[in-house]
Every structure is written in C-alpha cells, then in structure tokens.
Amino acid sequence: MVTINGKKVSLKKEVSLYSFLENNNYNPKLVVIEVDKNLVKREEYKFFQVKDNMNIEVFSFIGGG
C-alpha cells in the first residue's frame, strides 16, 4: 500500500513515479511531488521508484486572476 494525498492505494509492484502518477489520474508535467517529506525533482519522476509504504503528496497549482 502507498498513501497518496492521505488515500491508501494498492501497489502490485514497484513502478516509476511518472507511471504511478499517470495511473492515478495526475499529469506528471503539472504537479510537484513530495515523497516521505522530500521533494522529488520533475526530471527524476521517470527514474524514481515508488515502493510499498511510501507517503506521496501531490501538489498542483492553479492559475487565475
């Protein structure tokens, strides 16, 4: 199990953060990610492996005016 924004999500196998985000309906190009209270750089999303028991926070920014 992985926690994403406070919600438990099943994880069948390790997967890249990029794929994990896409599989959970997030656009990896439009979010900032914190894993276990550490920011992950966008250029690392395809290499960073999501593993069991990780706590992921997804931050998206909304523009307006």
N, C-alpha and C. Protein backbone atom coordinates (compact mmCIF):
# COMPACT_ATOMS: atom_id res chain seq x y z
N MET A 1 0.83 -1.19 0.00
CA MET A 1 0.00 0.00 0.00
C MET A 1 0.87 1.25 0.00
N VAL A 2 0.41 2.23 -0.74
CA VAL A 2 1.05 3.54 -0.79
C VAL A 2 -0.02 4.56 -0.41
N THR A 3 0.38 5.59 0.31
CA THR A 3 -0.55 6.66 0.64
C THR A 3 -0.29 7.82 -0.30
N ILE A 4 -1.35 8.28 -0.99
CA ILE A 4 -1.23 9.41 -1.89
C ILE A 4 -2.30 10.43 -1.50
N ASN A 5 -1.82 11.58 -1.03
CA ASN A 5 -2.71 12.63 -0.53
C ASN A 5 -3.68 12.09 0.52
N GLY A 6 -3.18 11.26 1.40
CA GLY A 6 -3.97 10.73 2.50
C GLY A 6 -4.84 9.53 2.17
N LYS A 7 -4.83 9.09 0.91
CA LYS A 7 -5.66 7.97 0.47
C LYS A 7 -4.76 6.75 0.22
N LYS A 8 -5.16 5.60 0.76
CA LYS A 8 -4.41 4.36 0.55
C LYS A 8 -4.66 3.82 -0.85
N VAL A 9 -3.56 3.48 -1.55
CA VAL A 9 -3.64 2.95 -2.91
C VAL A 9 -2.82 1.67 -2.96
N SER A 10 -3.40 0.65 -3.58
CA SER A 10 -2.72 -0.64 -3.71
C SER A 10 -1.57 -0.52 -4.72
N LEU A 11 -0.48 -1.16 -4.41
CA LEU A 11 0.69 -1.17 -5.29
C LEU A 11 1.09 -2.62 -5.51
N LYS A 12 0.88 -3.12 -6.72
CA LYS A 12 1.16 -4.52 -7.02
C LYS A 12 2.65 -4.79 -7.21
N LYS A 13 3.36 -3.79 -7.77
CA LYS A 13 4.80 -3.92 -7.98
C LYS A 13 5.41 -2.53 -8.01
N GLU A 14 6.71 -2.47 -7.86
CA GLU A 14 7.39 -1.17 -7.94
C GLU A 14 7.20 -0.61 -9.33
N VAL A 15 7.01 0.71 -9.38
CA VAL A 15 6.75 1.38 -10.64
C VAL A 15 7.37 2.77 -10.56
N SER A 16 7.66 3.36 -11.70
CA SER A 16 8.23 4.71 -11.68
C SER A 16 7.19 5.69 -11.15
N LEU A 17 7.66 6.75 -10.54
CA LEU A 17 6.77 7.79 -10.03
C LEU A 17 5.94 8.35 -11.18
N TYR A 18 6.54 8.53 -12.33
CA TYR A 18 5.83 9.05 -13.51
C TYR A 18 4.63 8.17 -13.85
N SER A 19 4.85 6.86 -13.96
CA SER A 19 3.77 5.92 -14.27
C SER A 19 2.73 5.88 -13.16
N PHE A 20 3.19 5.91 -11.93
CA PHE A 20 2.27 5.89 -10.78
C PHE A 20 1.33 7.09 -10.84
N LEU A 21 1.88 8.26 -11.14
CA LEU A 21 1.05 9.46 -11.24
C LEU A 21 0.03 9.32 -12.36
N GLU A 22 0.48 8.89 -13.53
CA GLU A 22 -0.44 8.72 -14.66
C GLU A 22 -1.54 7.72 -14.33
N ASN A 23 -1.18 6.62 -13.67
CA ASN A 23 -2.15 5.58 -13.32
C ASN A 23 -3.17 6.07 -12.29
N ASN A 24 -2.83 7.14 -11.58
CA ASN A 24 -3.74 7.69 -10.57
C ASN A 24 -4.32 9.04 -10.99
N ASN A 25 -4.37 9.24 -12.31
CA ASN A 25 -5.03 10.40 -12.92
C ASN A 25 -4.41 11.76 -12.59
N TYR A 26 -3.08 11.78 -12.47
CA TYR A 26 -2.35 13.05 -12.30
C TYR A 26 -1.50 13.26 -13.53
N ASN A 27 -1.38 14.50 -13.97
CA ASN A 27 -0.50 14.83 -15.08
C ASN A 27 0.89 15.15 -14.49
N PRO A 28 1.88 14.27 -14.69
CA PRO A 28 3.20 14.48 -14.10
C PRO A 28 3.85 15.81 -14.48
N LYS A 29 3.41 16.40 -15.58
CA LYS A 29 4.00 17.66 -16.03
C LYS A 29 3.42 18.87 -15.31
N LEU A 30 2.32 18.66 -14.57
CA LEU A 30 1.63 19.79 -13.95
C LEU A 30 1.58 19.73 -12.42
N VAL A 31 2.38 18.84 -11.83
CA VAL A 31 2.34 18.70 -10.38
C VAL A 31 3.74 18.74 -9.77
N VAL A 32 3.78 18.99 -8.48
CA VAL A 32 5.01 18.91 -7.70
C VAL A 32 4.79 17.77 -6.70
N ILE A 33 5.81 16.94 -6.50
CA ILE A 33 5.66 15.75 -5.68
C ILE A 33 6.60 15.76 -4.49
N GLU A 34 6.04 15.35 -3.37
CA GLU A 34 6.81 15.15 -2.14
C GLU A 34 6.63 13.68 -1.75
N VAL A 35 7.73 12.97 -1.57
CA VAL A 35 7.68 11.57 -1.15
C VAL A 35 8.37 11.47 0.20
N ASP A 36 7.64 10.99 1.18
CA ASP A 36 8.16 10.88 2.55
C ASP A 36 8.81 12.19 3.00
N LYS A 37 8.13 13.28 2.73
CA LYS A 37 8.52 14.64 3.13
C LYS A 37 9.75 15.19 2.42
N ASN A 38 10.12 14.58 1.28
CA ASN A 38 11.23 15.06 0.47
C ASN A 38 10.73 15.36 -0.93
N LEU A 39 11.07 16.55 -1.44
CA LEU A 39 10.66 16.90 -2.80
C LEU A 39 11.42 16.06 -3.81
N VAL A 40 10.73 15.64 -4.85
CA VAL A 40 11.35 14.89 -5.95
C VAL A 40 11.35 15.80 -7.17
N LYS A 41 12.51 15.97 -7.77
CA LYS A 41 12.62 16.83 -8.95
C LYS A 41 11.89 16.19 -10.13
N ARG A 42 11.24 17.03 -10.91
CA ARG A 42 10.45 16.55 -12.05
C ARG A 42 11.29 15.68 -12.99
N GLU A 43 12.54 16.04 -13.21
CA GLU A 43 13.38 15.24 -14.13
C GLU A 43 13.71 13.86 -13.57
N GLU A 44 13.39 13.61 -12.30
CA GLU A 44 13.64 12.31 -11.68
C GLU A 44 12.40 11.41 -11.66
N TYR A 45 11.24 11.93 -12.06
CA TYR A 45 9.98 11.17 -11.98
C TYR A 45 10.04 9.83 -12.70
N LYS A 46 10.70 9.78 -13.86
CA LYS A 46 10.74 8.53 -14.63
C LYS A 46 11.71 7.51 -14.05
N PHE A 47 12.61 7.95 -13.16
CA PHE A 47 13.61 7.05 -12.58
C PHE A 47 13.31 6.70 -11.12
N PHE A 48 12.57 7.56 -10.45
CA PHE A 48 12.25 7.36 -9.04
C PHE A 48 11.24 6.23 -8.89
N GLN A 49 11.57 5.21 -8.10
CA GLN A 49 10.71 4.05 -7.94
C GLN A 49 9.80 4.20 -6.72
N VAL A 50 8.50 4.02 -6.96
CA VAL A 50 7.51 4.04 -5.88
C VAL A 50 7.49 2.64 -5.26
N LYS A 51 7.63 2.59 -3.94
CA LYS A 51 7.67 1.32 -3.22
C LYS A 51 6.61 1.30 -2.14
N ASP A 52 6.33 0.11 -1.66
CA ASP A 52 5.36 -0.09 -0.58
C ASP A 52 5.65 0.82 0.60
N ASN A 53 4.60 1.30 1.24
CA ASN A 53 4.66 2.11 2.45
C ASN A 53 5.13 3.55 2.26
N MET A 54 5.28 3.99 1.02
CA MET A 54 5.67 5.39 0.79
C MET A 54 4.46 6.29 1.00
N ASN A 55 4.75 7.52 1.42
CA ASN A 55 3.72 8.54 1.59
C ASN A 55 3.99 9.62 0.55
N ILE A 56 3.05 9.77 -0.39
CA ILE A 56 3.22 10.69 -1.51
C ILE A 56 2.21 11.82 -1.40
N GLU A 57 2.70 13.04 -1.51
CA GLU A 57 1.83 14.22 -1.54
C GLU A 57 1.96 14.85 -2.92
N VAL A 58 0.82 15.12 -3.54
CA VAL A 58 0.79 15.72 -4.87
C VAL A 58 0.26 17.13 -4.73
N PHE A 59 1.02 18.08 -5.24
CA PHE A 59 0.62 19.50 -5.19
C PHE A 59 0.42 19.97 -6.63
N SER A 60 -0.74 20.53 -6.90
CA SER A 60 -0.97 21.12 -8.22
C SER A 60 -1.25 22.60 -8.04
N PHE A 61 -0.86 23.34 -9.05
CA PHE A 61 -1.00 24.78 -8.99
C PHE A 61 -2.07 25.22 -9.98
N ILE A 62 -2.92 26.11 -9.53
CA ILE A 62 -3.99 26.62 -10.36
C ILE A 62 -3.78 28.11 -10.58
N GLY A 63 -3.70 28.50 -11.83
CA GLY A 63 -3.52 29.91 -12.14
C GLY A 63 -4.87 30.61 -12.28
N GLY A 64 -4.84 31.86 -12.13
CA GLY A 64 -6.08 32.62 -12.28
C GLY A 64 -5.80 34.08 -12.08
N GLY A 65 -6.83 34.83 -12.16
CA GLY A 65 -6.59 36.24 -11.97
C GLY A 65 -7.85 37.04 -11.96
